[in-house]
Protein backbone atom coordinates (compact mmCIF):
# COMPACT_ATOMS: atom_id res chain seq x y z
CA MET A 1 -17.45 4.85 -1.28
CA ILE A 2 -17.69 1.06 -1.06
CA TRP A 3 -18.47 -0.73 -4.31
CA PRO A 4 -20.16 -4.12 -4.49
CA LEU A 5 -17.69 -6.81 -5.57
CA HIS A 6 -19.27 -7.39 -9.01
CA GLN A 7 -19.15 -3.66 -9.84
CA ALA A 8 -15.55 -3.33 -8.72
CA GLN A 9 -14.47 -6.24 -10.90
CA SER A 10 -16.43 -5.01 -13.92
CA VAL A 11 -14.42 -1.75 -14.05
CA GLY A 12 -11.09 -3.56 -13.73
CA PHE A 13 -10.63 -2.90 -10.03
CA SER A 14 -8.37 -5.52 -8.45
CA LEU A 15 -8.82 -6.71 -4.87
CA GLN A 16 -5.27 -8.05 -4.77
CA TRP A 17 -2.71 -6.04 -2.84
CA HIS A 18 0.77 -6.46 -1.41
CA LEU A 19 2.82 -5.00 1.41
CA ASP A 20 6.20 -3.35 0.80
CA GLU A 21 8.79 -2.81 3.51
CA VAL A 22 11.95 -0.76 3.09
CA VAL A 23 14.47 0.71 5.52
CA ILE A 24 15.25 4.37 4.87
CA PRO A 25 17.83 6.53 6.64
CA ILE A 26 16.56 9.88 7.92
CA ASP A 27 19.06 12.18 9.68
CA GLY A 28 21.40 9.23 10.25
CA GLU A 29 18.75 6.98 11.84
CA ASN A 30 16.96 4.04 10.23
CA TYR A 31 13.21 4.15 9.73
CA TRP A 32 10.90 1.53 8.25
CA LEU A 33 8.53 2.53 5.46
CA TRP A 34 5.54 0.22 5.05
CA ARG A 35 3.21 0.56 2.04
CA ALA A 36 0.05 -1.35 1.20
CA VAL A 37 -0.43 -1.19 -2.58
CA TYR A 38 -3.09 -2.58 -4.91
CA VAL A 39 -1.74 -4.72 -7.76
CA ASN A 40 -2.48 -1.88 -10.22
CA GLY A 41 -0.24 0.51 -8.24
CA ILE A 42 -2.82 2.47 -6.25
CA LEU A 43 -1.51 3.24 -2.75
CA LEU A 44 -3.83 2.04 0.03
CA ASP A 45 -1.89 3.14 3.10
CA LYS A 46 1.60 4.00 4.31
CA LEU A 47 3.40 4.06 7.62
CA VAL A 48 6.86 5.28 8.63
CA GLN A 49 8.11 4.09 11.99
CA LYS A 50 11.34 3.93 13.91
CA GLN A 51 12.11 0.34 14.82
């Protein structure tokens, strides 16, 4: 569902987000975990990839 901007802001929904990147070892190999997260902590998307 897509909310109009004024409705989203009236319920405290933030449009600000940030991108996290971390290297994690899996079975002795390094993988990159990318996460897009809203300021309030809600996860938007994630991606694990071998670099």
